């Protein structure tokens, strides 16, 4: 009996690598509620990633503004004195035409919720590298490692709706990279209600795109992946509940406003390989590995991609793609495969990669 129990547990452990859920991390608008999609995903190891939001160094705010701060009893304010480079449209660029970065600034900044997590940090970096104005948020308003004049560090807690509206107002896109953590809240509070709080704030503010970093297997409660990972705070059940509620919130929205749900394969800390190496799927058939850096690049591109509006898709490197049932061991041993032809969505740029994505309501 003990042998059977051990074998069963080992099987569940291996299966757990088929999903990218950060079980200890802190890190939308179809015409009808779309059917649940699961990205066949896998982590490189069975150990949960920890992306705690616990940095203590406060980065100076680069724009002159009244900056919201979290205080007991409500949302307080303090003044930030560092100046905004208003010469961006004048002397800094001379008489040349507006750059992509300047156009992005006019359109609104990119907000990253859960910027203290590993994937959240990569999203901030990708946005800054692209010339975006960025608002990086953590629960404490503290984040080390980013001193760019184009980056503001603001406090925001997805479990406290009153802290979200001030940071998403005027944003072009919001990337939700938060998840449950010991200090940040349970899966129900963060991955479910926290996501809903964020969607409601984005809709109220008219944010063009809410991009959600989610996980695979959330729509497969009978799978060993779901069952094992769900042992950690009921995270899988809460994630799919949050996703479904977001889809319902956006169901009757009009215009450009929408959501994109990104479900990565096994997350790695490797340098990004670029869009030409990435494969997208819609249908849960395959999974593989992908670096957080490339997930961040994909999330950033999804903000302005028309085809990514109200869409859910999986992402992984094409040379790591395997059927969901076999991907666990493949990711553990970092196996590669011959790239399949005619399978999944491919492209040489992030825009090309997203060009053939279909909305959830069309699947």
Foldseek 3Di string as FASTA:
>chain_A
DVVVVVVVVVVLLLLQQQKADQLAEFAEAALDQFDDFFARAGALHSDHDYQYLDDDAAAAAQDFDFAWFDDPPAIDTDTGDHHQPPCLVPDVVHPDDRDPLRVQVVQAAEEEGRCSGPLNVLLVVLCVVVNGQYEYEDQHLGDPDDHDSSYGRHYDALLDLRRQLVVLARHQEYEYPGAHHPPRDALLSPLASSLVSNLVSCVVNVHLEYEYEAMGPLVPCVDSNQVSSCVSRNNSPRNVNRVSSRHVVNNPDDDRHAYAYEHEHHEDQDDAPAQQQKFKATHQFKYFYGYSNVVSQLRVVLSPASQRGQFYIYMHGQQGIDGSVPNSVCSNVVHGHDGDPPDGAGDRHSNSRSVPTHHSVVD
